[in-house]
Amino acid sequence: MSDTTVTVAEIGAALGRKVEQVEREAAELGMLVRPDWAGRPSLSVADARGLTTGEAPGRSGRCAVRR
């Protein structure tokens, strides 16, 4: 069974950030960036949610998505 993931590019688009910035922040928070089925860097859905909502451990708790 495979895990559901979200590509780093999709997360970057949602946050208005470059892929490199998302990868760096994820690494700083101890999140595992790994290739999805197509070889694209991705995060688990839970990590992606935490990163985009600001609820990931180590984040300030503010919503990171620009509305």
N, C-alpha and C. Protein backbone atom coordinates (compact mmCIF):
# COMPACT_ATOMS: atom_id res chain seq x y z
N MET A 1 0.84 -1.16 0.00
CA MET A 1 0.00 0.00 0.00
C MET A 1 0.90 1.24 0.00
N SER A 2 0.53 2.24 -0.80
CA SER A 2 1.34 3.45 -0.86
C SER A 2 0.70 4.57 -0.04
N ASP A 3 1.54 5.46 0.44
CA ASP A 3 1.06 6.61 1.19
C ASP A 3 0.58 7.69 0.22
N THR A 4 -0.38 8.46 0.66
CA THR A 4 -0.84 9.60 -0.12
C THR A 4 0.10 10.76 0.17
N THR A 5 0.55 11.41 -0.89
CA THR A 5 1.49 12.51 -0.74
C THR A 5 1.03 13.73 -1.52
N VAL A 6 1.67 14.85 -1.22
CA VAL A 6 1.45 16.11 -1.93
C VAL A 6 2.81 16.58 -2.41
N THR A 7 2.91 16.96 -3.67
CA THR A 7 4.22 17.37 -4.18
C THR A 7 4.64 18.70 -3.55
N VAL A 8 5.93 18.86 -3.43
CA VAL A 8 6.48 20.10 -2.89
C VAL A 8 6.11 21.27 -3.79
N ALA A 9 6.03 21.03 -5.10
CA ALA A 9 5.64 22.09 -6.04
C ALA A 9 4.20 22.56 -5.76
N GLU A 10 3.30 21.62 -5.46
CA GLU A 10 1.91 22.00 -5.13
C GLU A 10 1.86 22.80 -3.84
N ILE A 11 2.64 22.40 -2.86
CA ILE A 11 2.68 23.12 -1.59
C ILE A 11 3.24 24.53 -1.82
N GLY A 12 4.31 24.61 -2.60
CA GLY A 12 4.90 25.91 -2.92
C GLY A 12 3.91 26.82 -3.62
N ALA A 13 3.15 26.28 -4.55
CA ALA A 13 2.15 27.08 -5.27
C ALA A 13 1.08 27.60 -4.31
N ALA A 14 0.66 26.76 -3.37
CA ALA A 14 -0.36 27.17 -2.41
C ALA A 14 0.16 28.26 -1.46
N LEU A 15 1.46 28.19 -1.15
CA LEU A 15 2.04 29.14 -0.21
C LEU A 15 2.66 30.36 -0.90
N GLY A 16 2.76 30.31 -2.22
CA GLY A 16 3.42 31.40 -2.95
C GLY A 16 4.92 31.40 -2.72
N ARG A 17 5.50 30.21 -2.58
CA ARG A 17 6.94 30.07 -2.33
C ARG A 17 7.59 29.19 -3.38
N LYS A 18 8.89 29.31 -3.49
CA LYS A 18 9.65 28.45 -4.39
C LYS A 18 9.81 27.07 -3.76
N VAL A 19 9.99 26.09 -4.63
CA VAL A 19 10.17 24.71 -4.18
C VAL A 19 11.31 24.60 -3.18
N GLU A 20 12.41 25.29 -3.44
CA GLU A 20 13.57 25.23 -2.55
C GLU A 20 13.24 25.74 -1.16
N GLN A 21 12.40 26.77 -1.07
CA GLN A 21 12.01 27.31 0.23
C GLN A 21 11.17 26.31 1.00
N VAL A 22 10.26 25.65 0.31
CA VAL A 22 9.41 24.65 0.96
C VAL A 22 10.26 23.47 1.43
N GLU A 23 11.17 23.00 0.58
CA GLU A 23 12.03 21.89 0.97
C GLU A 23 12.89 22.25 2.18
N ARG A 24 13.41 23.47 2.21
CA ARG A 24 14.24 23.91 3.33
C ARG A 24 13.42 23.97 4.62
N GLU A 25 12.23 24.55 4.56
CA GLU A 25 11.40 24.64 5.76
C GLU A 25 11.00 23.25 6.26
N ALA A 26 10.64 22.37 5.33
CA ALA A 26 10.27 21.01 5.72
C ALA A 26 11.44 20.32 6.41
N ALA A 27 12.64 20.47 5.86
CA ALA A 27 13.83 19.86 6.47
C ALA A 27 14.09 20.43 7.86
N GLU A 28 13.93 21.75 8.01
CA GLU A 28 14.14 22.38 9.31
C GLU A 28 13.15 21.87 10.35
N LEU A 29 11.97 21.49 9.89
CA LEU A 29 10.94 20.96 10.80
C LEU A 29 11.02 19.45 10.98
N GLY A 30 12.02 18.84 10.34
CA GLY A 30 12.21 17.40 10.47
C GLY A 30 11.25 16.56 9.65
N MET A 31 10.67 17.15 8.63
CA MET A 31 9.74 16.43 7.76
C MET A 31 10.53 15.69 6.68
N LEU A 32 10.03 14.54 6.30
CA LEU A 32 10.69 13.72 5.29
C LEU A 32 10.19 14.09 3.90
N VAL A 33 11.08 14.62 3.07
CA VAL A 33 10.77 14.89 1.67
C VAL A 33 11.24 13.67 0.89
N ARG A 34 10.31 13.03 0.19
CA ARG A 34 10.67 11.83 -0.56
C ARG A 34 9.96 11.84 -1.90
N PRO A 35 10.46 11.06 -2.84
CA PRO A 35 9.83 11.05 -4.16
C PRO A 35 8.47 10.37 -4.16
N ASP A 36 7.54 10.93 -4.94
CA ASP A 36 6.25 10.28 -5.11
C ASP A 36 6.37 9.24 -6.22
N TRP A 37 5.27 8.71 -6.67
CA TRP A 37 5.28 7.64 -7.68
C TRP A 37 5.94 8.09 -8.98
N ALA A 38 5.94 9.40 -9.26
CA ALA A 38 6.54 9.91 -10.50
C ALA A 38 7.94 10.47 -10.27
N GLY A 39 8.45 10.33 -9.05
CA GLY A 39 9.79 10.79 -8.75
C GLY A 39 9.87 12.25 -8.33
N ARG A 40 8.72 12.91 -8.12
CA ARG A 40 8.72 14.32 -7.71
C ARG A 40 8.86 14.42 -6.19
N PRO A 41 9.62 15.40 -5.71
CA PRO A 41 9.73 15.57 -4.26
C PRO A 41 8.35 15.83 -3.66
N SER A 42 8.06 15.14 -2.56
CA SER A 42 6.73 15.27 -1.96
C SER A 42 6.79 15.06 -0.46
N LEU A 43 5.70 15.44 0.19
CA LEU A 43 5.51 15.27 1.63
C LEU A 43 4.26 14.45 1.86
N SER A 44 4.17 13.84 3.02
CA SER A 44 2.93 13.15 3.38
C SER A 44 1.82 14.20 3.48
N VAL A 45 0.59 13.76 3.35
CA VAL A 45 -0.54 14.68 3.45
C VAL A 45 -0.55 15.37 4.82
N ALA A 46 -0.25 14.62 5.87
CA ALA A 46 -0.24 15.20 7.22
C ALA A 46 0.81 16.29 7.34
N ASP A 47 2.02 16.04 6.81
CA ASP A 47 3.08 17.05 6.87
C ASP A 47 2.72 18.26 6.02
N ALA A 48 2.15 18.02 4.84
CA ALA A 48 1.74 19.13 3.97
C ALA A 48 0.69 19.99 4.66
N ARG A 49 -0.26 19.36 5.31
CA ARG A 49 -1.29 20.10 6.03
C ARG A 49 -0.67 20.94 7.14
N GLY A 50 0.22 20.34 7.90
CA GLY A 50 0.86 21.07 8.99
C GLY A 50 1.68 22.25 8.48
N LEU A 51 2.34 22.07 7.37
CA LEU A 51 3.18 23.12 6.79
C LEU A 51 2.32 24.26 6.26
N THR A 52 1.22 23.96 5.61
CA THR A 52 0.40 25.00 5.01
C THR A 52 -0.51 25.71 6.00
N THR A 53 -0.90 25.03 7.07
CA THR A 53 -1.78 25.66 8.06
C THR A 53 -1.01 26.34 9.18
N GLY A 54 0.27 26.04 9.29
CA GLY A 54 1.07 26.60 10.38
C GLY A 54 0.97 25.77 11.65
N GLU A 55 0.35 24.61 11.58
CA GLU A 55 0.17 23.77 12.76
C GLU A 55 1.24 22.71 12.94
N ALA A 56 2.25 22.71 12.08
CA ALA A 56 3.34 21.73 12.22
C ALA A 56 4.15 22.04 13.47
N PRO A 57 4.62 21.01 14.18
CA PRO A 57 5.48 21.25 15.35
C PRO A 57 6.67 22.12 14.95
N GLY A 58 6.94 23.14 15.73
CA GLY A 58 8.06 24.04 15.43
C GLY A 58 7.64 25.27 14.67
N ARG A 59 6.39 25.34 14.22
CA ARG A 59 5.88 26.50 13.52
C ARG A 59 5.22 27.42 14.52
N SER A 60 5.01 28.65 14.14
CA SER A 60 4.46 29.65 15.04
C SER A 60 2.97 29.46 15.32
N GLY A 61 2.28 28.65 14.49
CA GLY A 61 0.86 28.45 14.67
C GLY A 61 0.03 29.38 13.81
N ARG A 62 0.68 30.32 13.13
CA ARG A 62 -0.04 31.21 12.23
C ARG A 62 -0.29 30.49 10.92
N CYS A 63 -1.36 30.81 10.27
CA CYS A 63 -1.66 30.21 8.97
C CYS A 63 -0.66 30.71 7.95
N ALA A 64 -0.03 29.79 7.25
CA ALA A 64 1.00 30.15 6.30
C ALA A 64 0.44 30.42 4.91
N VAL A 65 -0.79 30.02 4.66
CA VAL A 65 -1.37 30.21 3.34
C VAL A 65 -1.81 31.65 3.18
N ARG A 66 -1.41 32.27 2.10
CA ARG A 66 -1.82 33.64 1.82
C ARG A 66 -3.15 33.60 1.12
N ARG A 67 -4.10 34.31 1.68
CA ARG A 67 -5.46 34.34 1.10
C ARG A 67 -5.73 35.67 0.48
